[in-house]
Every structure is written in structure tokens, then in C-alpha cells.
């Protein structure tokens, strides 16, 4: 049975997610380019990351509105 519409279900991060709590500074690759950001929300297998804006990622910032969901396995703590 699925949980469609059950929006109040608590999010339990995976084992990888235990290392990446909210407000953690992280780095990751996006289209082969290194990016940095801060975790704003934890999900089960991924995190919502607010991307740090710089002169090299203007296009990414426009396309993503400065936010991206990325798997914990692709993140590294700074």
C-alpha cells in the first residue's frame, strides 16, 4: 500500500544522511564543475542544498533557482 498524500510522515535520513545535517557546508560536482552550498533540508536519500553563487555558476543559479536536490553519496563535507 502506498502513502500518497501522507505529507506528515517524518523524514528519516539514511545512514549516509547522518553525516549531512541541516546547515552543513558541502561540496559536489554539477555538470563536471565543483560547486559548494549549504544543506537546508534532509530527505531520505538526498538533501536539499542551497548553492553558493559565484561568477562561474550564473547559468546554474538561473536554471535551478539556487537550490538543488542531490544524493548524499555525491556530497562531501567541507
PDB file of N, CA and C in Angstrom:
ATOM      1  N   UNK A   1       0.840  -1.174   0.000  1.00  0.00           N
ATOM      2  CA  UNK A   1       0.000   0.000   0.000  1.00  0.00           C
ATOM      3  C   UNK A   1       0.885   1.236   0.000  1.00  0.00           C
ATOM      4  N   UNK A   2       0.548   2.203  -0.802  1.00  0.00           N
ATOM      5  CA  UNK A   2       1.361   3.414  -0.904  1.00  0.00           C
ATOM      6  C   UNK A   2       0.910   4.463   0.106  1.00  0.00           C
ATOM      7  N   UNK A   3       1.751   5.454   0.281  1.00  0.00           N
ATOM      8  CA  UNK A   3       1.464   6.541   1.220  1.00  0.00           C
ATOM      9  C   UNK A   3       1.179   7.845   0.492  1.00  0.00           C
ATOM     10  N   UNK A   4       0.552   7.782  -0.664  1.00  0.00           N
ATOM     11  CA  UNK A   4       0.251   9.002  -1.405  1.00  0.00           C
ATOM     12  C   UNK A   4      -0.610   9.922  -0.556  1.00  0.00           C
ATOM     13  N   UNK A   5      -0.223  11.174  -0.498  1.00  0.00           N
ATOM     14  CA  UNK A   5      -0.979  12.152   0.265  1.00  0.00           C
ATOM     15  C   UNK A   5      -0.624  12.198   1.740  1.00  0.00           C
ATOM     16  N   UNK A   6       0.277  11.329   2.202  1.00  0.00           N
ATOM     17  CA  UNK A   6       0.686  11.322   3.609  1.00  0.00           C
ATOM     18  C   UNK A   6       1.883  12.264   3.766  1.00  0.00           C
ATOM     19  N   UNK A   7       1.617  13.562   3.797  1.00  0.00           N
ATOM     20  CA  UNK A   7       2.679  14.555   3.817  1.00  0.00           C
ATOM     21  C   UNK A   7       3.241  14.801   5.211  1.00  0.00           C
ATOM     22  N   UNK A   8       2.640  14.258   6.239  1.00  0.00           N
ATOM     23  CA  UNK A   8       3.102  14.481   7.611  1.00  0.00           C
ATOM     24  C   UNK A   8       4.039  13.385   8.093  1.00  0.00           C
ATOM     25  N   UNK A   9       4.402  12.475   7.207  1.00  0.00           N
ATOM     26  CA  UNK A   9       5.292  11.384   7.575  1.00  0.00           C
ATOM     27  C   UNK A   9       6.681  11.945   7.889  1.00  0.00           C
ATOM     28  N   UNK A  10       7.272  11.592   9.019  1.00  0.00           N
ATOM     29  CA  UNK A  10       8.595  12.126   9.358  1.00  0.00           C
ATOM     30  C   UNK A  10       9.666  11.601   8.399  1.00  0.00           C
ATOM     31  N   UNK A  11      10.640  12.442   8.103  1.00  0.00           N
ATOM     32  CA  UNK A  11      11.738  12.063   7.224  1.00  0.00           C
ATOM     33  C   UNK A  11      12.844  11.465   8.070  1.00  0.00           C
ATOM     34  N   UNK A  12      13.259  10.262   7.700  1.00  0.00           N
ATOM     35  CA  UNK A  12      14.352   9.591   8.395  1.00  0.00           C
ATOM     36  C   UNK A  12      15.500   9.431   7.414  1.00  0.00           C
ATOM     37  N   UNK A  13      16.548  10.251   7.528  1.00  0.00           N
ATOM     38  CA  UNK A  13      17.676  10.149   6.602  1.00  0.00           C
ATOM     39  C   UNK A  13      18.346   8.779   6.684  1.00  0.00           C
ATOM     40  N   UNK A  14      18.905   8.343   5.561  1.00  0.00           N
ATOM     41  CA  UNK A  14      19.636   7.083   5.515  1.00  0.00           C
ATOM     42  C   UNK A  14      20.917   7.202   6.338  1.00  0.00           C
ATOM     43  N   UNK A  15      21.665   6.112   6.420  1.00  0.00           N
ATOM     44  CA  UNK A  15      22.919   6.116   7.175  1.00  0.00           C
ATOM     45  C   UNK A  15      23.888   7.164   6.631  1.00  0.00           C
ATOM     46  N   UNK A  16      23.927   7.321   5.300  1.00  0.00           N
ATOM     47  CA  UNK A  16      24.787   8.345   4.699  1.00  0.00           C
ATOM     48  C   UNK A  16      24.339   9.743   5.117  1.00  0.00           C
ATOM     49  N   UNK A  17      23.042   9.927   5.298  1.00  0.00           N
ATOM     50  CA  UNK A  17      22.488  11.227   5.643  1.00  0.00           C
ATOM     51  C   UNK A  17      22.803  11.684   7.051  1.00  0.00           C
ATOM     52  N   UNK A  18      23.176  10.760   7.924  1.00  0.00           N
ATOM     53  CA  UNK A  18      23.512  11.134   9.301  1.00  0.00           C
ATOM     54  C   UNK A  18      24.705  12.091   9.360  1.00  0.00           C
ATOM     55  N   UNK A  19      25.574  12.049   8.357  1.00  0.00           N
ATOM     56  CA  UNK A  19      26.746  12.929   8.323  1.00  0.00           C
ATOM     57  C   UNK A  19      26.415  14.329   7.827  1.00  0.00           C
ATOM     58  N   UNK A  20      25.265  14.478   7.163  1.00  0.00           N
ATOM     59  CA  UNK A  20      24.930  15.733   6.492  1.00  0.00           C
ATOM     60  C   UNK A  20      23.678  16.360   7.098  1.00  0.00           C
ATOM     61  N   UNK A  21      23.833  16.994   8.242  1.00  0.00           N
ATOM     62  CA  UNK A  21      22.707  17.636   8.910  1.00  0.00           C
ATOM     63  C   UNK A  21      22.459  19.021   8.314  1.00  0.00           C
ATOM     64  N   UNK A  22      21.339  19.621   8.670  1.00  0.00           N
ATOM     65  CA  UNK A  22      20.984  20.959   8.196  1.00  0.00           C
ATOM     66  C   UNK A  22      22.075  21.954   8.598  1.00  0.00           C
ATOM     67  N   UNK A  23      22.367  22.904   7.729  1.00  0.00           N
ATOM     68  CA  UNK A  23      23.391  23.945   7.896  1.00  0.00           C
ATOM     69  C   UNK A  23      24.818  23.433   7.727  1.00  0.00           C
ATOM     70  N   UNK A  24      24.991  22.214   7.191  1.00  0.00           N
ATOM     71  CA  UNK A  24      26.320  21.686   6.913  1.00  0.00           C
ATOM     72  C   UNK A  24      26.805  22.228   5.572  1.00  0.00           C
ATOM     73  N   UNK A  25      28.026  22.732   5.532  1.00  0.00           N
ATOM     74  CA  UNK A  25      28.639  23.223   4.292  1.00  0.00           C
ATOM     75  C   UNK A  25      29.149  22.012   3.510  1.00  0.00           C
ATOM     76  N   UNK A  26      28.783  21.918   2.224  1.00  0.00           N
ATOM     77  CA  UNK A  26      29.146  20.761   1.404  1.00  0.00           C
ATOM     78  C   UNK A  26      29.699  21.199   0.053  1.00  0.00           C
ATOM     79  N   UNK A  27      30.350  20.252  -0.620  1.00  0.00           N
ATOM     80  CA  UNK A  27      30.806  20.435  -1.990  1.00  0.00           C
ATOM     81  C   UNK A  27      30.326  19.247  -2.812  1.00  0.00           C
ATOM     82  N   UNK A  28      30.123  19.468  -4.114  1.00  0.00           N
ATOM     83  CA  UNK A  28      29.639  18.423  -5.015  1.00  0.00           C
ATOM     84  C   UNK A  28      29.946  18.832  -6.445  1.00  0.00           C
ATOM     85  N   UNK A  29      29.865  17.874  -7.369  1.00  0.00           N
ATOM     86  CA  UNK A  29      30.070  18.163  -8.784  1.00  0.00           C
ATOM     87  C   UNK A  29      28.726  18.295  -9.475  1.00  0.00           C
ATOM     88  N   UNK A  30      28.587  19.327 -10.298  1.00  0.00           N
ATOM     89  CA  UNK A  30      27.382  19.519 -11.095  1.00  0.00           C
ATOM     90  C   UNK A  30      27.841  19.809 -12.515  1.00  0.00           C
ATOM     91  N   UNK A  31      27.512  18.925 -13.450  1.00  0.00           N
ATOM     92  CA  UNK A  31      27.946  19.044 -14.848  1.00  0.00           C
ATOM     93  C   UNK A  31      29.469  19.138 -14.930  1.00  0.00           C
ATOM     94  N   UNK A  32      30.158  18.377 -14.081  1.00  0.00           N
ATOM     95  CA  UNK A  32      31.614  18.342 -14.085  1.00  0.00           C
ATOM     96  C   UNK A  32      32.292  19.516 -13.412  1.00  0.00           C
ATOM     97  N   UNK A  33      31.515  20.447 -12.889  1.00  0.00           N
ATOM     98  CA  UNK A  33      32.069  21.631 -12.235  1.00  0.00           C
ATOM     99  C   UNK A  33      31.862  21.536 -10.722  1.00  0.00           C
ATOM    100  N   UNK A  34      32.899  21.785  -9.930  1.00  0.00           N
ATOM    101  CA  UNK A  34      32.723  21.756  -8.472  1.00  0.00           C
ATOM    102  C   UNK A  34      31.844  22.916  -8.005  1.00  0.00           C
ATOM    103  N   UNK A  35      30.932  22.608  -7.105  1.00  0.00           N
ATOM    104  CA  UNK A  35      30.021  23.601  -6.530  1.00  0.00           C
ATOM    105  C   UNK A  35      30.053  23.453  -5.011  1.00  0.00           C
ATOM    106  N   UNK A  36      29.676  24.499  -4.313  1.00  0.00           N
ATOM    107  CA  UNK A  36      29.549  24.451  -2.858  1.00  0.00           C
ATOM    108  C   UNK A  36      28.164  24.948  -2.475  1.00  0.00           C
ATOM    109  N   UNK A  37      27.752  24.585  -1.266  1.00  0.00           N
ATOM    110  CA  UNK A  37      26.457  25.030  -0.788  1.00  0.00           C
ATOM    111  C   UNK A  37      26.225  24.615   0.644  1.00  0.00           C
ATOM    112  N   UNK A  38      25.027  24.902   1.124  1.00  0.00           N
ATOM    113  CA  UNK A  38      24.638  24.592   2.500  1.00  0.00           C
ATOM    114  C   UNK A  38      23.364  23.762   2.466  1.00  0.00           C
ATOM    115  N   UNK A  39      23.331  22.690   3.249  1.00  0.00           N
ATOM    116  CA  UNK A  39      22.146  21.838   3.323  1.00  0.00           C
ATOM    117  C   UNK A  39      21.038  22.588   4.056  1.00  0.00           C
ATOM    118  N   UNK A  40      19.863  22.661   3.424  1.00  0.00           N
ATOM    119  CA  UNK A  40      18.728  23.346   4.041  1.00  0.00           C
ATOM    120  C   UNK A  40      17.661  22.378   4.517  1.00  0.00           C
ATOM    121  N   UNK A  41      17.661  21.139   3.981  1.00  0.00           N
ATOM    122  CA  UNK A  41      16.671  20.149   4.394  1.00  0.00           C
ATOM    123  C   UNK A  41      17.203  18.760   4.093  1.00  0.00           C
ATOM    124  N   UNK A  42      16.955  17.828   5.014  1.00  0.00           N
ATOM    125  CA  UNK A  42      17.327  16.438   4.804  1.00  0.00           C
ATOM    126  C   UNK A  42      16.127  15.662   4.278  1.00  0.00           C
ATOM    127  N   UNK A  43      16.380  14.787   3.319  1.00  0.00           N
ATOM    128  CA  UNK A  43      15.383  13.858   2.809  1.00  0.00           C
ATOM    129  C   UNK A  43      15.880  12.448   3.096  1.00  0.00           C
ATOM    130  N   UNK A  44      15.149  11.423   2.649  1.00  0.00           N
ATOM    131  CA  UNK A  44      15.553  10.054   2.960  1.00  0.00           C
ATOM    132  C   UNK A  44      16.927   9.705   2.392  1.00  0.00           C
ATOM    133  N   UNK A  45      17.117   9.880   1.093  1.00  0.00           N
ATOM    134  CA  UNK A  45      18.368   9.502   0.440  1.00  0.00           C
ATOM    135  C   UNK A  45      19.115  10.677  -0.167  1.00  0.00           C
ATOM    136  N   UNK A  46      18.625  11.877   0.065  1.00  0.00           N
ATOM    137  CA  UNK A  46      19.234  13.061  -0.534  1.00  0.00           C
ATOM    138  C   UNK A  46      18.985  14.276   0.343  1.00  0.00           C
ATOM    139  N   UNK A  47      19.581  15.380  -0.071  1.00  0.00           N
ATOM    140  CA  UNK A  47      19.440  16.624   0.685  1.00  0.00           C
ATOM    141  C   UNK A  47      19.106  17.768  -0.262  1.00  0.00           C
ATOM    142  N   UNK A  48      18.406  18.760   0.263  1.00  0.00           N
ATOM    143  CA  UNK A  48      18.160  19.994  -0.465  1.00  0.00           C
ATOM    144  C   UNK A  48      19.322  20.925  -0.125  1.00  0.00           C
ATOM    145  N   UNK A  49      20.033  21.380  -1.163  1.00  0.00           N
ATOM    146  CA  UNK A  49      21.225  22.205  -0.968  1.00  0.00           C
ATOM    147  C   UNK A  49      21.014  23.570  -1.612  1.00  0.00           C
ATOM    148  N   UNK A  50      21.269  24.624  -0.837  1.00  0.00           N
ATOM    149  CA  UNK A  50      21.260  25.983  -1.369  1.00  0.00           C
ATOM    150  C   UNK A  50      22.657  26.262  -1.912  1.00  0.00           C
ATOM    151  N   UNK A  51      22.753  26.471  -3.221  1.00  0.00           N
ATOM    152  CA  UNK A  51      24.034  26.614  -3.899  1.00  0.00           C
ATOM    153  C   UNK A  51      24.624  27.999  -3.627  1.00  0.00           C
ATOM    154  N   UNK A  52      25.939  28.022  -3.351  1.00  0.00           N
ATOM    155  CA  UNK A  52      26.652  29.292  -3.192  1.00  0.00           C
ATOM    156  C   UNK A  52      26.849  29.914  -4.572  1.00  0.00           C
ATOM    157  N   UNK A  53      26.443  31.161  -4.722  1.00  0.00           N
ATOM    158  CA  UNK A  53      26.557  31.836  -6.013  1.00  0.00           C
ATOM    159  C   UNK A  53      27.962  32.389  -6.217  1.00  0.00           C
ATOM    160  N   UNK A  54      28.488  32.191  -7.433  1.00  0.00           N
ATOM    161  CA  UNK A  54      29.767  32.790  -7.812  1.00  0.00           C
ATOM    162  C   UNK A  54      29.731  33.123  -9.299  1.00  0.00           C
ATOM    163  N   UNK A  55      30.780  33.720  -9.810  1.00  0.00           N
ATOM    164  CA  UNK A  55      30.779  34.173 -11.207  1.00  0.00           C
ATOM    165  C   UNK A  55      30.779  33.022 -12.205  1.00  0.00           C
ATOM    166  N   UNK A  56      31.169  31.820 -11.779  1.00  0.00           N
ATOM    167  CA  UNK A  56      31.238  30.677 -12.688  1.00  0.00           C
ATOM    168  C   UNK A  56      29.936  29.893 -12.799  1.00  0.00           C
ATOM    169  N   UNK A  57      28.987  30.099 -11.897  1.00  0.00           N
ATOM    170  CA  UNK A  57      27.779  29.269 -11.918  1.00  0.00           C
ATOM    171  C   UNK A  57      26.494  30.069 -12.131  1.00  0.00           C
ATOM    172  N   UNK A  58      26.585  31.177 -12.818  1.00  0.00           N
ATOM    173  CA  UNK A  58      25.412  32.026 -13.046  1.00  0.00           C
ATOM    174  C   UNK A  58      24.300  31.270 -13.766  1.00  0.00           C
ATOM    175  N   UNK A  59      24.655  30.490 -14.794  1.00  0.00           N
ATOM    176  CA  UNK A  59      23.660  29.730 -15.554  1.00  0.00           C
ATOM    177  C   UNK A  59      22.962  28.698 -14.665  1.00  0.00           C
ATOM    178  N   UNK A  60      23.735  27.990 -13.839  1.00  0.00           N
ATOM    179  CA  UNK A  60      23.164  27.006 -12.919  1.00  0.00           C
ATOM    180  C   UNK A  60      22.221  27.674 -11.926  1.00  0.00           C
ATOM    181  N   UNK A  61      22.592  28.829 -11.432  1.00  0.00           N
ATOM    182  CA  UNK A  61      21.749  29.543 -10.469  1.00  0.00           C
ATOM    183  C   UNK A  61      20.411  29.928 -11.090  1.00  0.00           C
ATOM    184  N   UNK A  62      20.428  30.346 -12.350  1.00  0.00           N
ATOM    185  CA  UNK A  62      19.190  30.728 -13.035  1.00  0.00           C
ATOM    186  C   UNK A  62      18.313  29.503 -13.269  1.00  0.00           C
ATOM    187  N   UNK A  63      18.921  28.404 -13.735  1.00  0.00           N
ATOM    188  CA  UNK A  63      18.152  27.200 -14.061  1.00  0.00           C
ATOM    189  C   UNK A  63      17.586  26.506 -12.823  1.00  0.00           C
ATOM    190  N   UNK A  64      18.302  26.570 -11.709  1.00  0.00           N
ATOM    191  CA  UNK A  64      17.895  25.831 -10.509  1.00  0.00           C
ATOM    192  C   UNK A  64      17.291  26.713  -9.427  1.00  0.00           C
ATOM    193  N   UNK A  65      17.215  28.010  -9.664  1.00  0.00           N
ATOM    194  CA  UNK A  65      16.778  28.964  -8.637  1.00  0.00           C
ATOM    195  C   UNK A  65      17.654  28.891  -7.388  1.00  0.00           C
ATOM    196  N   UNK A  66      18.883  28.437  -7.557  1.00  0.00           N
ATOM    197  CA  UNK A  66      19.841  28.405  -6.462  1.00  0.00           C
ATOM    198  C   UNK A  66      19.668  27.257  -5.494  1.00  0.00           C
ATOM    199  N   UNK A  67      18.798  26.292  -5.851  1.00  0.00           N
ATOM    200  CA  UNK A  67      18.532  25.158  -4.960  1.00  0.00           C
ATOM    201  C   UNK A  67      18.569  23.876  -5.781  1.00  0.00           C
ATOM    202  N   UNK A  68      19.127  22.813  -5.193  1.00  0.00           N
ATOM    203  CA  UNK A  68      19.199  21.535  -5.884  1.00  0.00           C
ATOM    204  C   UNK A  68      18.997  20.403  -4.889  1.00  0.00           C
ATOM    205  N   UNK A  69      18.415  19.309  -5.357  1.00  0.00           N
ATOM    206  CA  UNK A  69      18.286  18.096  -4.554  1.00  0.00           C
ATOM    207  C   UNK A  69      19.362  17.143  -5.050  1.00  0.00           C
ATOM    208  N   UNK A  70      20.201  16.667  -4.138  1.00  0.00           N
ATOM    209  CA  UNK A  70      21.324  15.818  -4.536  1.00  0.00           C
ATOM    210  C   UNK A  70      21.504  14.679  -3.540  1.00  0.00           C
ATOM    211  N   UNK A  71      21.859  13.511  -4.058  1.00  0.00           N
ATOM    212  CA  UNK A  71      22.046  12.308  -3.256  1.00  0.00           C
ATOM    213  C   UNK A  71      23.201  12.495  -2.272  1.00  0.00           C
ATOM    214  N   UNK A  72      23.043  11.944  -1.066  1.00  0.00           N
ATOM    215  CA  UNK A  72      24.087  12.053  -0.046  1.00  0.00           C
ATOM    216  C   UNK A  72      25.423  11.496  -0.539  1.00  0.00           C
ATOM    217  N   UNK A  73      25.387  10.454  -1.372  1.00  0.00           N
ATOM    218  CA  UNK A  73      26.618   9.823  -1.846  1.00  0.00           C
ATOM    219  C   UNK A  73      27.436  10.752  -2.731  1.00  0.00           C
ATOM    220  N   UNK A  74      26.820  11.792  -3.273  1.00  0.00           N
ATOM    221  CA  UNK A  74      27.531  12.727  -4.144  1.00  0.00           C
ATOM    222  C   UNK A  74      28.011  13.970  -3.397  1.00  0.00           C
ATOM    223  N   UNK A  75      27.748  14.034  -2.098  1.00  0.00           N
ATOM    224  CA  UNK A  75      28.140  15.189  -1.284  1.00  0.00           C
ATOM    225  C   UNK A  75      29.414  14.902  -0.502  1.00  0.00           C
ATOM    226  N   UNK A  76      30.187  15.950  -0.253  1.00  0.00           N
ATOM    227  CA  UNK A  76      31.354  15.873   0.626  1.00  0.00           C
ATOM    228  C   UNK A  76      31.303  17.065   1.564  1.00  0.00           C
ATOM    229  N   UNK A  77      31.597  16.817   2.840  1.00  0.00           N
ATOM    230  CA  UNK A  77      31.667  17.913   3.811  1.00  0.00           C
ATOM    231  C   UNK A  77      32.900  18.755   3.545  1.00  0.00           C
ATOM    232  N   UNK A  78      32.762  20.045   3.787  1.00  0.00           N
ATOM    233  CA  UNK A  78      33.918  20.949   3.655  1.00  0.00           C
ATOM    234  C   UNK A  78      34.559  21.098   5.020  1.00  0.00           C
TER     235      UNK A  78
END
